[in-house]
Amino acid sequence: MRTVRLPGLERPVGAIGFGCASLGSRISAAQGLDALADAHAAGVNWFDVAPAYGAGDAEAILGRFARGKRDGIYICTKVGLAPPQRNALLKQVYSMARPIVGTLTGLRRAFRRMPSTRNVSLPLTPQLITDSLHSSLQRLGTDHVDVFALHKPAHGDIGRDDIQRALQGLRQAGKVRLIGVAGDLEAAQIALANRDTYTMVQLADDPSAQPLQQLPPAGGPCYAVVTHSILGVGGTRERVLHALRMAGPAAMSEMIRLGYSPKPEQAVAELLLDRALAANANGVVLMSMFGARHRSENLRRVQGTPKPEALQWVSRLLAPVSESRE
């Protein structure tokens, strides 16, 4: 697997990371542990988690996986979101519905839209930050995390002196290697205006908005970038798929010539992953890799050098869509 160097971390990082948002909810512990182990054996060493993930169970399951491997993996966890309020009932529903929800995409989307499945935003305070990290460390079974990030924070909280002092104190105590912000583009921009504290940003990568091009230059104190949601921001995959079909057989033939699947849906997924890896060539791209076929395909595409031509292809396909909206 291709690796990258992130500022502040000693060892190389795999260019693709494992997103654990559904570990313990849609994905059972047993299935999740198998997937984590398989990905790790293939070179994945970045694992992204949060207290709210997996209806509150993801950190503990990841901790089980990390036993005996801690020195060889990176863990990013967060603070700011809590699991849904009716969590005991939700976990029971997940357990009963898992075989069905796991196979039907439409049902999965409907499940996520239910108010009872939504995470709860917590007001950020220094005490919450400290308590949340200590609880995360217990669940993860470790004495430190490599990245600790504010999770979808209010923009006004990012630069607050008391918040930054609390985070810096945890870093000075050795419980946190890097401090980051996982939110939208504006949150990332605010964080990178406070680089004495924040040296990692995590955000969705939308090919139409191209948010990475709107981040400040990496001159001076460097920072790490982690991207996610490369297939699903605002219906990205559907827009690119529609554009590919509208472009006609010649475009599909060219895609096949370049090594993409002859099936349009699969070809678009492959193209968008290549685009994301090229757009964030010096950072980490997060993917949910619990399905064996998806995991295998993702790991295959992260081998070798990034493909800048994928950036051009997606821009070409989206251009007519953008022009039609003007």
Protein backbone atom coordinates (compact mmCIF):
# COMPACT_ATOMS: atom_id res chain seq x y z
CA MET A 1 0.00 0.00 0.00
CA ARG A 2 1.13 3.53 -0.74
CA THR A 3 2.04 5.40 2.44
CA VAL A 4 2.27 9.08 3.35
CA ARG A 5 4.06 11.06 6.03
CA LEU A 6 1.86 13.19 8.28
CA PRO A 7 3.42 16.06 10.24
CA GLY A 8 3.89 15.15 13.90
CA LEU A 9 3.70 11.38 13.43
CA GLU A 10 6.84 9.27 13.31
CA ARG A 11 5.79 6.27 11.24
CA PRO A 12 4.37 6.17 7.70
CA VAL A 13 0.60 6.13 7.39
CA GLY A 14 -1.37 4.11 4.85
CA ALA A 15 -2.96 6.44 2.29
CA ILE A 16 -6.36 4.87 2.93
CA GLY A 17 -7.87 4.77 6.42
CA PHE A 18 -10.64 2.69 7.95
CA GLY A 19 -13.75 4.63 8.95
CA CYS A 20 -15.51 2.95 11.89
CA ALA A 21 -18.78 4.92 11.99
CA SER A 22 -21.00 1.82 11.69
CA LEU A 23 -18.85 -0.53 13.82
CA GLY A 24 -21.20 -1.98 16.44
CA SER A 25 -24.44 -0.62 14.94
CA ARG A 26 -25.04 -1.68 11.33
CA ILE A 27 -21.93 -3.89 11.55
CA SER A 28 -21.77 -6.52 14.30
CA ALA A 29 -18.71 -6.79 16.54
CA ALA A 30 -17.72 -10.16 15.04
CA GLN A 31 -18.04 -8.96 11.45
CA GLY A 32 -16.24 -5.74 12.30
CA LEU A 33 -13.31 -7.43 14.00
CA ASP A 34 -12.80 -9.69 10.99
CA ALA A 35 -12.87 -6.72 8.61
CA LEU A 36 -10.46 -4.68 10.75
CA ALA A 37 -8.01 -7.57 10.94
CA ASP A 38 -8.17 -8.20 7.19
CA ALA A 39 -7.60 -4.53 6.36
CA HIS A 40 -4.73 -4.28 8.83
CA ALA A 41 -3.07 -7.35 7.32
CA ALA A 42 -3.21 -5.59 3.94
CA GLY A 43 -1.46 -2.48 5.29
CA VAL A 44 -4.21 -0.26 6.71
CA ASN A 45 -2.93 1.37 9.90
CA TRP A 46 -5.21 4.43 10.33
CA PHE A 47 -8.49 3.84 12.18
CA ASP A 48 -11.04 6.62 12.63
CA VAL A 49 -13.56 6.37 15.45
CA ALA A 50 -15.61 8.52 17.86
CA PRO A 51 -17.60 8.05 21.08
CA ALA A 52 -20.87 8.29 19.12
CA TYR A 53 -19.96 5.75 16.44
CA GLY A 54 -21.62 2.36 16.35
CA ALA A 55 -24.38 3.62 18.68
CA GLY A 56 -21.64 4.09 21.27
CA ASP A 57 -19.92 0.70 20.82
CA ALA A 58 -17.30 1.40 18.13
CA GLU A 59 -14.48 2.51 20.43
CA ALA A 60 -14.73 -0.57 22.64
CA ILE A 61 -14.75 -2.91 19.63
CA LEU A 62 -11.80 -1.11 18.06
CA GLY A 63 -10.03 -1.43 21.41
CA ARG A 64 -10.47 -5.19 21.25
CA PHE A 65 -8.91 -5.21 17.79
CA ALA A 66 -6.03 -2.96 18.89
CA ARG A 67 -4.80 -5.26 21.67
CA GLY A 68 -1.26 -6.30 20.87
CA LYS A 69 -1.17 -3.99 17.83
CA ARG A 70 -1.19 -0.54 19.43
CA ASP A 71 2.36 0.40 18.46
CA GLY A 72 1.65 -0.45 14.82
CA ILE A 73 -1.59 1.49 14.28
CA TYR A 74 -2.87 5.05 14.47
CA ILE A 75 -6.15 5.87 16.21
CA CYS A 76 -8.12 9.07 15.73
CA THR A 77 -11.04 9.69 18.07
CA LYS A 78 -13.12 12.77 18.74
CA VAL A 79 -15.19 14.81 21.19
CA GLY A 80 -18.45 16.68 20.73
CA LEU A 81 -21.05 14.10 19.69
CA ALA A 82 -22.77 11.54 21.89
CA PRO A 83 -24.75 8.45 20.81
CA PRO A 84 -28.52 8.77 20.28
CA GLN A 85 -30.49 9.45 23.47
CA ARG A 86 -32.59 6.27 23.27
CA ASN A 87 -29.48 4.19 22.86
CA ALA A 88 -30.49 0.96 24.61
CA LEU A 89 -33.59 0.62 22.43
CA LEU A 90 -31.61 1.62 19.34
CA LYS A 91 -29.01 -1.08 19.94
CA GLN A 92 -31.76 -3.68 20.23
CA VAL A 93 -33.31 -2.49 16.97
CA TYR A 94 -29.93 -2.57 15.23
CA SER A 95 -29.30 -6.10 16.44
CA MET A 96 -32.66 -7.33 15.14
CA ALA A 97 -32.56 -5.42 11.84
CA ARG A 98 -28.86 -5.88 11.03
CA PRO A 99 -29.27 -8.77 8.53
CA ILE A 100 -31.81 -6.77 6.52
CA VAL A 101 -30.43 -3.24 6.87
CA GLY A 102 -26.96 -4.44 5.94
CA THR A 103 -28.06 -5.61 2.50
CA LEU A 104 -30.60 -2.99 1.41
CA THR A 105 -29.15 0.44 0.59
CA GLY A 106 -32.49 2.26 0.60
CA LEU A 107 -33.43 0.85 3.98
CA ARG A 108 -30.02 1.82 5.36
CA ARG A 109 -30.57 5.41 4.26
CA ALA A 110 -34.05 5.50 5.79
CA PHE A 111 -32.64 4.08 9.02
CA ARG A 112 -30.03 6.86 9.20
CA ARG A 113 -32.71 9.53 8.67
CA MET A 114 -34.73 8.40 11.69
CA PRO A 115 -34.53 10.97 14.53
CA SER A 116 -33.85 8.18 17.03
CA THR A 117 -30.63 7.24 15.22
CA ARG A 118 -29.13 10.73 15.20
CA ASN A 119 -26.15 11.56 17.37
CA VAL A 120 -26.45 14.30 19.98
CA SER A 121 -24.31 17.45 19.79
CA LEU A 122 -22.74 18.34 23.14
CA PRO A 123 -21.78 21.87 24.26
CA LEU A 124 -17.99 22.02 24.30
CA THR A 125 -16.34 22.81 27.64
CA PRO A 126 -12.84 22.07 28.96
CA GLN A 127 -14.32 19.54 31.39
CA LEU A 128 -16.21 17.74 28.63
CA ILE A 129 -13.05 17.53 26.54
CA THR A 130 -11.02 16.03 29.38
CA ASP A 131 -13.74 13.64 30.54
CA SER A 132 -14.53 12.52 27.00
CA LEU A 133 -10.90 11.69 26.23
CA HIS A 134 -10.45 9.74 29.46
CA SER A 135 -13.58 7.71 28.69
CA SER A 136 -12.38 7.09 25.14
CA LEU A 137 -9.00 5.89 26.38
CA GLN A 138 -10.72 3.42 28.71
CA ARG A 139 -12.91 2.05 25.94
CA LEU A 140 -9.98 1.85 23.53
CA GLY A 141 -7.72 0.21 26.11
CA THR A 142 -4.83 2.61 25.52
CA ASP A 143 -3.05 5.45 27.30
CA HIS A 144 -3.05 7.81 24.33
CA VAL A 145 -4.59 8.51 20.94
CA ASP A 146 -2.68 9.69 17.92
CA VAL A 147 -5.29 12.29 16.95
CA PHE A 148 -7.98 13.89 19.12
CA ALA A 149 -10.42 16.03 17.15
CA LEU A 150 -13.33 18.33 17.86
CA HIS A 151 -16.30 16.59 16.21
CA LYS A 152 -18.52 18.90 14.13
CA PRO A 153 -17.88 21.84 16.50
CA ALA A 154 -19.66 25.17 16.38
CA HIS A 155 -17.35 27.49 14.49
CA GLY A 156 -17.13 29.88 17.42
CA ASP A 157 -15.81 27.15 19.72
CA ILE A 158 -12.74 26.26 17.67
CA GLY A 159 -10.70 29.34 18.52
CA ARG A 160 -11.86 29.73 22.12
CA ASP A 161 -8.92 30.13 24.50
CA ASP A 162 -10.34 27.77 27.14
CA ILE A 163 -10.96 25.04 24.55
CA GLN A 164 -7.47 25.37 23.10
CA ARG A 165 -5.84 25.35 26.54
CA ALA A 166 -7.70 22.16 27.48
CA LEU A 167 -6.61 20.44 24.27
CA GLN A 168 -3.03 21.61 24.60
CA GLY A 169 -2.94 20.34 28.18
CA LEU A 170 -3.91 16.86 27.02
CA ARG A 171 -1.20 16.97 24.38
CA GLN A 172 1.40 18.11 26.92
CA ALA A 173 0.35 15.24 29.20
CA GLY A 174 1.15 12.77 26.42
CA LYS A 175 -2.44 11.58 26.02
CA VAL A 176 -2.79 13.10 22.54
CA ARG A 177 -0.24 13.30 19.71
CA LEU A 178 -2.08 15.62 17.32
CA ILE A 179 -5.12 17.85 17.82
CA GLY A 180 -7.59 18.28 15.00
CA VAL A 181 -11.01 19.40 13.85
CA ALA A 182 -13.45 17.10 12.06
CA GLY A 183 -16.11 19.29 10.51
CA ASP A 184 -16.94 21.34 7.45
CA LEU A 185 -14.69 23.51 5.29
CA GLU A 186 -15.18 26.64 7.40
CA ALA A 187 -14.30 24.69 10.55
CA ALA A 188 -11.10 23.48 8.86
CA GLN A 189 -10.19 27.02 7.81
CA ILE A 190 -10.69 28.35 11.34
CA ALA A 191 -8.64 25.49 12.79
CA LEU A 192 -5.77 26.17 10.41
CA ALA A 193 -5.78 29.82 11.48
CA ASN A 194 -4.91 28.44 14.95
CA ARG A 195 -2.09 26.09 14.01
CA ASP A 196 -0.40 26.36 17.39
CA THR A 197 -3.20 24.02 18.51
CA TYR A 198 -4.67 22.30 15.47
CA THR A 199 -2.48 20.39 13.05
CA MET A 200 -5.06 18.02 11.50
CA VAL A 201 -8.30 18.72 9.66
CA GLN A 202 -10.85 16.17 8.55
CA LEU A 203 -13.58 17.06 6.09
CA ALA A 204 -15.78 15.72 3.32
CA ASP A 205 -14.28 15.85 -0.17
CA ASP A 206 -16.83 17.05 -2.72
CA PRO A 207 -15.51 17.04 -6.33
CA SER A 208 -17.82 19.92 -7.25
CA ALA A 209 -16.81 22.22 -4.36
CA GLN A 210 -13.15 21.05 -4.28
CA PRO A 211 -12.69 22.05 -0.61
CA LEU A 212 -9.03 21.06 -0.41
CA GLN A 213 -8.16 23.83 -2.86
CA GLN A 214 -9.71 26.31 -0.42
CA LEU A 215 -7.48 25.40 2.52
CA PRO A 216 -4.52 27.68 3.32
CA PRO A 217 -1.09 26.83 1.93
CA ALA A 218 0.86 24.34 4.01
CA GLY A 219 3.79 26.75 4.42
CA GLY A 220 4.97 27.42 7.96
CA PRO A 221 3.64 24.91 10.49
CA CYS A 222 2.47 21.98 8.39
CA TYR A 223 -0.81 20.17 8.88
CA ALA A 224 -2.40 16.85 7.98
CA VAL A 225 -5.56 16.42 5.91
CA VAL A 226 -7.98 13.51 6.20
CA THR A 227 -10.90 13.31 3.78
CA HIS A 228 -14.09 11.26 3.79
CA SER A 229 -17.50 10.86 2.12
CA ILE A 230 -15.90 10.68 -1.32
CA LEU A 231 -18.86 8.82 -2.84
CA GLY A 232 -21.80 10.43 -1.16
CA VAL A 233 -21.49 14.21 -0.69
CA GLY A 234 -24.69 15.70 -2.09
CA GLY A 235 -25.29 12.74 -4.38
CA THR A 236 -21.84 12.91 -5.97
CA ARG A 237 -21.82 9.33 -7.22
CA GLU A 238 -25.26 9.70 -8.80
CA ARG A 239 -24.27 12.96 -10.54
CA VAL A 240 -21.08 11.47 -11.98
CA LEU A 241 -22.90 8.30 -13.03
CA HIS A 242 -25.58 10.36 -14.80
CA ALA A 243 -22.90 12.44 -16.53
CA LEU A 244 -21.05 9.31 -17.67
CA ARG A 245 -24.21 7.86 -19.19
CA MET A 246 -25.02 11.15 -20.89
CA ALA A 247 -21.50 11.25 -22.36
CA GLY A 248 -22.31 8.16 -24.39
CA PRO A 249 -20.56 4.89 -25.31
CA ALA A 250 -17.29 6.58 -26.27
CA ALA A 251 -16.77 7.84 -22.72
CA MET A 252 -17.49 4.42 -21.26
CA SER A 253 -15.09 2.80 -23.73
CA GLU A 254 -12.37 5.24 -22.67
CA MET A 255 -13.03 4.43 -19.01
CA ILE A 256 -12.63 0.72 -19.75
CA ARG A 257 -9.43 1.42 -21.68
CA LEU A 258 -8.06 3.20 -18.60
CA GLY A 259 -8.71 0.10 -16.50
CA TYR A 260 -12.09 0.87 -14.96
CA SER A 261 -14.91 -1.61 -14.66
CA PRO A 262 -17.22 -2.13 -17.66
CA LYS A 263 -20.13 -1.73 -15.23
CA PRO A 264 -20.89 2.03 -15.02
CA GLU A 265 -21.82 2.00 -11.30
CA GLN A 266 -18.60 0.23 -10.35
CA ALA A 267 -16.52 2.32 -12.74
CA VAL A 268 -17.77 5.53 -11.11
CA ALA A 269 -16.98 4.25 -7.62
CA GLU A 270 -13.45 3.34 -8.74
CA LEU A 271 -13.00 6.69 -10.48
CA LEU A 272 -14.13 8.67 -7.43
CA LEU A 273 -11.75 6.79 -5.17
CA ASP A 274 -8.88 7.45 -7.57
CA ARG A 275 -9.89 11.11 -7.68
CA ALA A 276 -9.97 11.34 -3.87
CA LEU A 277 -6.56 9.70 -3.54
CA ALA A 278 -5.12 12.13 -6.08
CA ALA A 279 -6.83 15.18 -4.54
CA ASN A 280 -5.43 14.33 -1.09
CA ALA A 281 -2.18 12.77 -2.29
CA ASN A 282 -0.27 13.66 0.87
CA GLY A 283 -3.01 12.78 3.34
CA VAL A 284 -5.41 9.99 4.29
CA VAL A 285 -8.68 9.08 2.58
CA LEU A 286 -11.21 7.41 4.88
CA MET A 287 -13.38 4.58 3.60
CA SER A 288 -15.84 2.24 5.26
CA MET A 289 -14.41 -1.16 4.37
CA PHE A 290 -16.60 -3.67 6.16
CA GLY A 291 -17.75 -5.38 2.97
CA ALA A 292 -15.16 -7.85 1.65
CA ARG A 293 -15.61 -6.89 -2.01
CA HIS A 294 -15.44 -3.16 -1.34
CA ARG A 295 -12.46 -3.62 0.94
CA SER A 296 -10.58 -5.63 -1.66
CA GLU A 297 -11.28 -3.06 -4.38
CA ASN A 298 -10.31 -0.12 -2.16
CA LEU A 299 -7.04 -1.76 -1.17
CA ARG A 300 -6.23 -2.60 -4.78
CA ARG A 301 -6.72 1.00 -5.91
CA VAL A 302 -4.49 2.48 -3.21
CA GLN A 303 -1.47 0.64 -4.54
CA GLY A 304 0.99 2.62 -6.62
CA THR A 305 1.07 6.35 -7.29
CA PRO A 306 -1.98 8.67 -7.33
CA LYS A 307 -3.73 9.13 -10.66
CA PRO A 308 -4.10 12.87 -11.42
CA GLU A 309 -5.97 11.99 -14.59
CA ALA A 310 -8.86 10.91 -12.38
CA LEU A 311 -9.18 14.52 -11.19
CA GLN A 312 -9.44 15.64 -14.80
CA TRP A 313 -11.96 12.94 -15.70
CA VAL A 314 -14.33 13.81 -12.86
CA SER A 315 -14.04 17.54 -13.64
CA ARG A 316 -14.87 16.85 -17.29
CA LEU A 317 -17.87 14.73 -16.38
CA LEU A 318 -19.22 17.25 -13.87
CA ALA A 319 -18.65 20.29 -16.08
CA PRO A 320 -21.82 19.87 -18.18
CA VAL A 321 -23.83 19.34 -14.99
CA SER A 322 -22.42 22.54 -13.45
CA GLU A 323 -23.02 24.53 -16.64
CA SER A 324 -26.63 23.36 -16.88
CA ARG A 325 -27.31 24.78 -13.40
CA GLU A 326 -26.01 28.25 -14.20
